[in-house]
Amino acid sequence: MDTFALIVTIAVALFFTYTNGFHDSANAIATSVSTRALTPRAALAMAAVMNLAGAFLGSGVAKTVSEGLIETPKGSTGMSILFAALVGAIVWNLVTWYFGLPSSSSHALFGGLVGAALAGGTEVLWNGVVDKVIIPMFLSPVVGLIVGYIVMTAILWLFRKANPHKAKRGFRIAQTVSAAGMALGHGLQDAQKTMGVVVMALVISGHETYGDPIPVWVKIVCAAMLSLGTYAGGWRIMRTLGRKIIELDPPQGFAAETTGASIMFTTAYLFKAPISTTHVITSAIMGVGATKRVNAVRWGVAKNIVLGWFITMPAAALVAAAAFGIIKLTIL
């Protein structure tokens, strides 16, 4: 039964990664597709490959997820807590995907972990949650907004005398690089989050101990599932990011993607903080759009997106707690 529970939990974790891929694929490619720098299928294929590569670039985020948010639960109850956390995250991902709302898969997972831990009587490491999740949740969108505005302002100044048609053509080409950087950062951040959950499952089952290197097979399967999900695409969310917030042109798309990628790499390597790629790229798009004029951004759409960010963690936590309650009544 212990082995079966481990296999089921890992399978559900990989399914979460798949939903993360199609839910968040828009983060990497919406701007490139909306500006016609890349065709949708070419953009998805590129994002899938770069997600796969990004997953092998580090392990700091995985360590934070596996050790820094909740005390590692023990035995069959511990595996049930992990299973319930994943159910909470998956349900919220599917709900927000259905409504085309670019919420954070990362915060759905963190909310699921906290909700399931509280329901299962496992200690939540609140210092880690605050330092690595809550503070970055508030700071990263602000940084994305400001840096996006600054980067776009710099581009407008540097190319103020350039031929507009030639400049747009050049930035359309440059967007293939910036979109690849976004996808690489997405792999670096989001594949590692699932790696952290799988490592926790292996520790609970006694197959691993903390401090061991992440097994290569864990990296491969997590990266592969994220890439498969990315290639499946997230068209509903892509339309929200690419069109509904603001009509982007190639220079704006390049500025937003460059901003998002830079923030993701910085937070992963310097702070080992599992930030939301959705928060970063959405706020960068808002900052870039505001350089045209403040009312160029559809702030009503932006407000709905931000509301979605704030309810993601508690909503996923409630679903996870309910899932654990059902497991406790039927299995434990």
Protein backbone atom coordinates (compact mmCIF):
# COMPACT_ATOMS: atom_id res chain seq x y z
CA MET A 1 0.00 0.00 0.00
CA ASP A 2 2.86 2.40 0.80
CA THR A 3 4.40 1.83 -2.63
CA PHE A 4 1.01 2.21 -4.30
CA ALA A 5 0.39 5.49 -2.43
CA LEU A 6 3.81 6.77 -3.54
CA ILE A 7 3.14 5.89 -7.18
CA VAL A 8 -0.31 7.51 -7.12
CA THR A 9 1.03 10.67 -5.47
CA ILE A 10 3.85 11.01 -7.98
CA ALA A 11 1.39 10.42 -10.85
CA VAL A 12 -0.89 13.17 -9.50
CA ALA A 13 2.13 15.48 -9.08
CA LEU A 14 3.03 14.90 -12.73
CA PHE A 15 -0.57 15.62 -13.76
CA PHE A 16 -0.33 18.88 -11.81
CA THR A 17 2.81 19.69 -13.80
CA TYR A 18 0.92 18.99 -17.01
CA THR A 19 -1.88 21.38 -15.99
CA ASN A 20 0.80 23.89 -14.97
CA GLY A 21 2.24 23.61 -18.49
CA PHE A 22 -0.96 24.29 -20.40
CA HIS A 23 -2.13 26.83 -17.80
CA ASP A 24 1.11 28.83 -17.84
CA SER A 25 2.31 28.29 -21.41
CA ALA A 26 0.65 31.63 -22.15
CA ASN A 27 3.20 33.30 -19.86
CA ALA A 28 6.02 32.53 -22.24
CA ILE A 29 4.38 32.97 -25.61
CA ALA A 30 1.22 35.12 -25.45
CA THR A 31 3.08 38.33 -26.29
CA SER A 32 5.01 36.73 -29.18
CA VAL A 33 1.85 35.25 -30.68
CA SER A 34 -0.23 38.42 -30.23
CA THR A 35 2.41 40.53 -32.02
CA ARG A 36 2.74 37.83 -34.73
CA ALA A 37 6.44 37.40 -33.99
CA LEU A 38 5.78 33.65 -33.86
CA THR A 39 2.97 31.41 -35.06
CA PRO A 40 1.08 29.73 -32.21
CA ARG A 41 2.43 26.22 -32.90
CA ALA A 42 6.00 27.41 -33.43
CA ALA A 43 5.79 29.39 -30.19
CA LEU A 44 4.42 26.41 -28.27
CA ALA A 45 7.09 24.07 -29.66
CA MET A 46 9.85 26.54 -28.76
CA ALA A 47 8.40 27.05 -25.28
CA ALA A 48 8.18 23.28 -24.70
CA VAL A 49 11.85 22.77 -25.63
CA MET A 50 13.04 25.70 -23.50
CA ASN A 51 10.89 24.58 -20.53
CA LEU A 52 12.63 21.21 -20.74
CA ALA A 53 16.06 22.85 -20.79
CA GLY A 54 15.22 25.28 -17.96
CA ALA A 55 14.29 22.45 -15.62
CA PHE A 56 17.94 21.33 -15.48
CA LEU A 57 19.43 24.75 -14.66
CA GLY A 58 19.15 24.60 -10.87
CA SER A 59 17.56 23.09 -7.77
CA GLY A 60 17.21 25.97 -5.28
CA VAL A 61 13.48 26.45 -5.89
CA ALA A 62 12.85 22.68 -5.51
CA LYS A 63 14.65 22.73 -2.14
CA THR A 64 12.47 25.62 -0.93
CA VAL A 65 9.26 23.78 -1.92
CA SER A 66 10.29 20.44 -0.41
CA GLU A 67 11.78 21.72 2.85
CA GLY A 68 10.86 25.35 3.44
CA LEU A 69 7.04 25.59 3.50
CA ILE A 70 5.69 22.74 5.65
CA GLU A 71 7.23 20.18 8.00
CA THR A 72 7.65 16.92 6.13
CA PRO A 73 4.66 14.81 7.20
CA LYS A 74 5.15 11.13 8.01
CA GLY A 75 3.67 7.80 6.91
CA SER A 76 0.37 7.24 5.16
CA THR A 77 -1.08 10.43 6.65
CA GLY A 78 1.86 12.36 5.19
CA MET A 79 1.29 10.93 1.72
CA SER A 80 -2.42 11.77 2.01
CA ILE A 81 -1.54 15.36 2.91
CA LEU A 82 0.66 15.62 -0.18
CA PHE A 83 -2.03 14.03 -2.36
CA ALA A 84 -4.70 16.42 -1.04
CA ALA A 85 -2.39 19.43 -1.62
CA LEU A 86 -1.99 18.42 -5.26
CA VAL A 87 -5.75 17.93 -5.68
CA GLY A 88 -6.34 21.46 -4.38
CA ALA A 89 -3.81 22.90 -6.82
CA ILE A 90 -5.13 20.93 -9.81
CA VAL A 91 -8.77 21.85 -9.16
CA TRP A 92 -7.92 25.56 -8.94
CA ASN A 93 -5.78 25.35 -12.10
CA LEU A 94 -8.66 23.80 -14.03
CA VAL A 95 -11.21 26.32 -12.73
CA THR A 96 -9.08 29.35 -13.62
CA TRP A 97 -8.10 27.85 -16.98
CA TYR A 98 -11.79 27.35 -17.82
CA PHE A 99 -12.53 31.03 -17.14
CA GLY A 100 -9.36 32.20 -18.93
CA LEU A 101 -7.96 33.77 -15.78
CA PRO A 102 -4.13 33.86 -15.62
CA SER A 103 -3.84 32.90 -11.96
CA SER A 104 -0.71 31.36 -10.51
CA SER A 105 -0.20 27.59 -10.63
CA SER A 106 2.63 28.11 -8.15
CA HIS A 107 0.43 29.77 -5.57
CA ALA A 108 -2.25 27.16 -6.13
CA LEU A 109 0.35 24.55 -5.16
CA PHE A 110 1.55 26.53 -2.14
CA GLY A 111 -2.04 27.10 -1.00
CA GLY A 112 -2.74 23.40 -1.41
CA LEU A 113 0.29 22.47 0.70
CA VAL A 114 -0.67 24.88 3.49
CA GLY A 115 -4.36 23.88 3.48
CA ALA A 116 -3.64 20.15 3.49
CA ALA A 117 -0.97 20.55 6.20
CA LEU A 118 -3.34 22.47 8.47
CA ALA A 119 -6.11 19.92 7.93
CA GLY A 120 -3.71 17.03 8.57
CA GLY A 121 -2.12 18.46 11.72
CA THR A 122 1.28 19.06 10.14
CA GLU A 123 3.23 22.18 11.09
CA VAL A 124 3.29 24.99 8.55
CA LEU A 125 6.64 26.80 8.46
CA TRP A 126 5.11 30.26 8.45
CA ASN A 127 8.47 32.06 8.29
CA GLY A 128 9.24 30.22 5.07
CA VAL A 129 5.75 30.84 3.69
CA VAL A 130 6.00 34.56 4.43
CA ASP A 131 9.61 35.02 3.25
CA LYS A 132 9.50 32.79 0.16
CA VAL A 133 5.85 33.07 -0.93
CA ILE A 134 3.85 35.96 0.55
CA ILE A 135 6.48 38.72 0.28
CA PRO A 136 7.49 37.73 -3.30
CA MET A 137 3.77 37.51 -4.17
CA PHE A 138 3.39 41.21 -3.37
CA LEU A 139 6.82 42.38 -4.50
CA SER A 140 7.24 40.59 -7.84
CA PRO A 141 4.21 42.21 -9.55
CA VAL A 142 5.32 45.66 -8.33
CA VAL A 143 8.85 45.03 -9.59
CA GLY A 144 7.46 43.68 -12.88
CA LEU A 145 5.28 46.77 -13.34
CA ILE A 146 8.09 49.23 -12.60
CA VAL A 147 10.84 47.42 -14.53
CA GLY A 148 8.52 46.88 -17.50
CA TYR A 149 7.76 50.59 -17.57
CA ILE A 150 11.47 51.49 -17.33
CA VAL A 151 12.57 49.00 -20.01
CA MET A 152 9.88 50.19 -22.43
CA THR A 153 10.71 53.84 -21.73
CA ALA A 154 14.39 53.10 -22.50
CA ILE A 155 13.45 51.38 -25.77
CA LEU A 156 11.27 54.32 -26.82
CA TRP A 157 14.11 56.73 -26.13
CA LEU A 158 16.83 54.64 -27.80
CA PHE A 159 14.79 54.08 -30.95
CA ARG A 160 13.06 57.46 -31.07
CA LYS A 161 14.69 58.33 -34.42
CA ALA A 162 14.45 54.87 -35.98
CA ASN A 163 12.14 54.02 -38.86
CA PRO A 164 9.02 52.61 -37.12
CA HIS A 165 8.48 49.81 -39.65
CA LYS A 166 12.12 48.67 -39.55
CA ALA A 167 12.18 48.87 -35.74
CA LYS A 168 9.03 46.75 -35.44
CA ARG A 169 10.46 44.19 -37.84
CA GLY A 170 13.67 44.01 -35.80
CA PHE A 171 11.82 43.65 -32.50
CA ARG A 172 9.64 40.92 -34.00
CA ILE A 173 12.85 38.93 -34.58
CA ALA A 174 14.21 39.87 -31.14
CA GLN A 175 11.02 38.56 -29.57
CA THR A 176 11.96 35.00 -30.50
CA VAL A 177 14.94 35.41 -28.15
CA SER A 178 13.00 37.11 -25.35
CA ALA A 179 10.19 34.52 -25.57
CA ALA A 180 12.79 31.75 -25.36
CA GLY A 181 14.21 33.43 -22.25
CA MET A 182 10.72 33.52 -20.70
CA ALA A 183 10.19 29.82 -21.44
CA LEU A 184 13.62 28.95 -20.03
CA GLY A 185 12.81 30.88 -16.85
CA HIS A 186 9.42 29.17 -16.65
CA GLY A 187 11.14 25.77 -16.78
CA LEU A 188 13.67 26.88 -14.17
CA GLN A 189 10.90 28.01 -11.81
CA ASP A 190 7.89 25.77 -12.38
CA ALA A 191 9.43 22.37 -13.13
CA GLN A 192 11.42 22.67 -9.91
CA LYS A 193 8.25 23.22 -7.88
CA THR A 194 6.97 19.78 -8.85
CA MET A 195 10.43 18.31 -8.31
CA GLY A 196 10.20 19.58 -4.74
CA VAL A 197 6.85 17.82 -4.23
CA VAL A 198 8.14 14.54 -5.71
CA VAL A 199 11.25 14.72 -3.50
CA MET A 200 8.99 15.23 -0.47
CA ALA A 201 6.98 12.14 -1.47
CA LEU A 202 10.20 10.12 -1.79
CA VAL A 203 11.37 11.32 1.64
CA ILE A 204 8.01 10.40 3.23
CA SER A 205 8.22 6.91 1.71
CA GLY A 206 11.83 6.47 2.86
CA HIS A 207 13.32 6.28 -0.64
CA GLU A 208 15.27 9.55 -0.27
CA THR A 209 16.62 11.80 2.46
CA TYR A 210 16.97 15.55 2.35
CA GLY A 211 20.42 16.61 1.22
CA ASP A 212 20.60 13.96 -1.50
CA PRO A 213 20.82 15.28 -5.06
CA ILE A 214 17.50 15.33 -6.89
CA PRO A 215 17.35 12.04 -8.86
CA VAL A 216 17.85 12.51 -12.58
CA TRP A 217 14.65 10.62 -13.38
CA VAL A 218 12.67 13.10 -11.26
CA LYS A 219 14.11 16.02 -13.24
CA ILE A 220 13.39 14.29 -16.56
CA VAL A 221 9.78 13.31 -15.87
CA CYS A 222 8.87 16.68 -14.30
CA ALA A 223 10.46 18.60 -17.16
CA ALA A 224 8.86 16.32 -19.76
CA MET A 225 5.36 16.70 -18.30
CA LEU A 226 5.72 20.48 -18.09
CA SER A 227 6.82 20.53 -21.73
CA LEU A 228 3.94 18.29 -22.83
CA GLY A 229 1.48 20.52 -21.02
CA THR A 230 3.05 23.59 -22.58
CA TYR A 231 2.74 22.12 -26.06
CA ALA A 232 -0.93 21.36 -25.39
CA GLY A 233 -1.36 25.13 -25.10
CA GLY A 234 -3.55 27.39 -23.02
CA TRP A 235 -5.47 29.37 -25.59
CA ARG A 236 -8.04 30.90 -23.22
CA ILE A 237 -5.38 32.44 -20.98
CA MET A 238 -3.25 33.37 -23.99
CA ARG A 239 -6.08 35.56 -25.29
CA THR A 240 -6.34 37.32 -21.92
CA LEU A 241 -2.63 38.08 -21.68
CA GLY A 242 -2.04 38.81 -25.36
CA ARG A 243 -5.10 40.88 -26.22
CA LYS A 244 -7.40 41.77 -23.35
CA ILE A 245 -4.96 43.71 -21.13
CA ILE A 246 -3.53 45.79 -23.98
CA GLU A 247 -2.94 45.44 -27.72
CA LEU A 248 0.80 44.77 -27.86
CA ASP A 249 3.23 45.63 -30.62
CA PRO A 250 6.66 43.89 -31.06
CA PRO A 251 8.73 46.43 -29.04
CA GLN A 252 6.24 46.18 -26.16
CA GLY A 253 6.22 42.38 -26.35
CA PHE A 254 10.02 42.31 -26.27
CA ALA A 255 10.13 44.67 -23.27
CA ALA A 256 7.57 42.62 -21.31
CA GLU A 257 9.27 39.28 -22.00
CA THR A 258 12.74 40.61 -21.22
CA THR A 259 11.46 42.02 -17.93
CA GLY A 260 9.73 38.77 -16.98
CA ALA A 261 12.68 36.54 -17.83
CA SER A 262 15.15 38.75 -15.93
CA ILE A 263 13.04 38.70 -12.76
CA MET A 264 12.55 34.91 -12.90
CA PHE A 265 16.25 34.16 -13.24
CA THR A 266 17.20 36.66 -10.53
CA THR A 267 14.73 35.29 -7.97
CA ALA A 268 15.58 31.64 -8.74
CA TYR A 269 19.35 32.04 -8.42
CA LEU A 270 19.76 34.82 -5.84
CA PHE A 271 16.83 34.19 -3.49
CA LYS A 272 15.73 30.61 -4.35
CA ALA A 273 12.21 32.05 -4.20
CA PRO A 274 9.48 30.19 -6.11
CA ILE A 275 7.78 33.22 -7.65
CA SER A 276 4.78 33.20 -9.93
CA THR A 277 5.67 33.48 -13.60
CA THR A 278 2.06 34.59 -14.18
CA HIS A 279 2.34 37.52 -11.77
CA VAL A 280 5.60 38.69 -13.29
CA ILE A 281 4.64 38.64 -16.98
CA THR A 282 1.16 40.07 -16.37
CA SER A 283 2.47 43.00 -14.34
CA ALA A 284 5.28 43.55 -16.89
CA ILE A 285 2.66 43.81 -19.65
CA MET A 286 0.77 46.38 -17.58
CA GLY A 287 3.95 48.40 -16.98
CA VAL A 288 4.89 48.30 -20.65
CA GLY A 289 1.39 49.30 -21.71
CA ALA A 290 1.32 52.25 -19.32
CA THR A 291 4.17 53.93 -21.27
CA LYS A 292 1.76 54.50 -24.16
CA ARG A 293 -0.76 56.17 -21.88
CA VAL A 294 -2.19 55.05 -18.58
CA ASN A 295 -5.67 54.39 -19.95
CA ALA A 296 -4.23 52.23 -22.76
CA VAL A 297 -4.20 49.40 -20.22
CA ARG A 298 -7.62 47.83 -19.67
CA TRP A 299 -7.49 48.23 -15.91
CA GLY A 300 -10.86 46.49 -15.44
CA VAL A 301 -9.38 43.26 -16.85
CA ALA A 302 -6.23 43.86 -14.82
CA LYS A 303 -8.31 44.27 -11.64
CA ASN A 304 -10.03 40.90 -12.19
CA ILE A 305 -6.65 39.25 -12.73
CA VAL A 306 -5.21 40.74 -9.52
CA LEU A 307 -8.31 39.62 -7.57
CA GLY A 308 -7.67 36.12 -8.91
CA TRP A 309 -4.11 36.30 -7.57
CA PHE A 310 -5.28 37.09 -4.05
CA ILE A 311 -7.91 34.37 -3.84
CA THR A 312 -5.75 31.63 -5.39
CA MET A 313 -3.91 30.53 -2.22
CA PRO A 314 -6.91 30.48 0.13
CA ALA A 315 -9.15 28.86 -2.52
CA ALA A 316 -6.63 26.08 -3.25
CA ALA A 317 -6.06 25.67 0.50
CA LEU A 318 -9.79 25.15 1.12
CA VAL A 319 -10.07 22.58 -1.68
CA ALA A 320 -6.98 20.75 -0.37
CA ALA A 321 -8.34 20.73 3.19
CA ALA A 322 -11.67 19.34 1.94
CA ALA A 323 -9.82 16.69 -0.10
CA PHE A 324 -7.85 15.64 2.97
CA GLY A 325 -11.06 15.43 4.99
CA ILE A 326 -12.58 13.09 2.39
CA ILE A 327 -9.43 10.92 2.33
CA LYS A 328 -9.42 10.75 6.13
CA LEU A 329 -13.05 9.57 6.20
CA THR A 330 -12.70 7.01 3.44
CA ILE A 331 -9.13 5.66 3.66
CA LEU A 332 -7.21 6.59 6.79
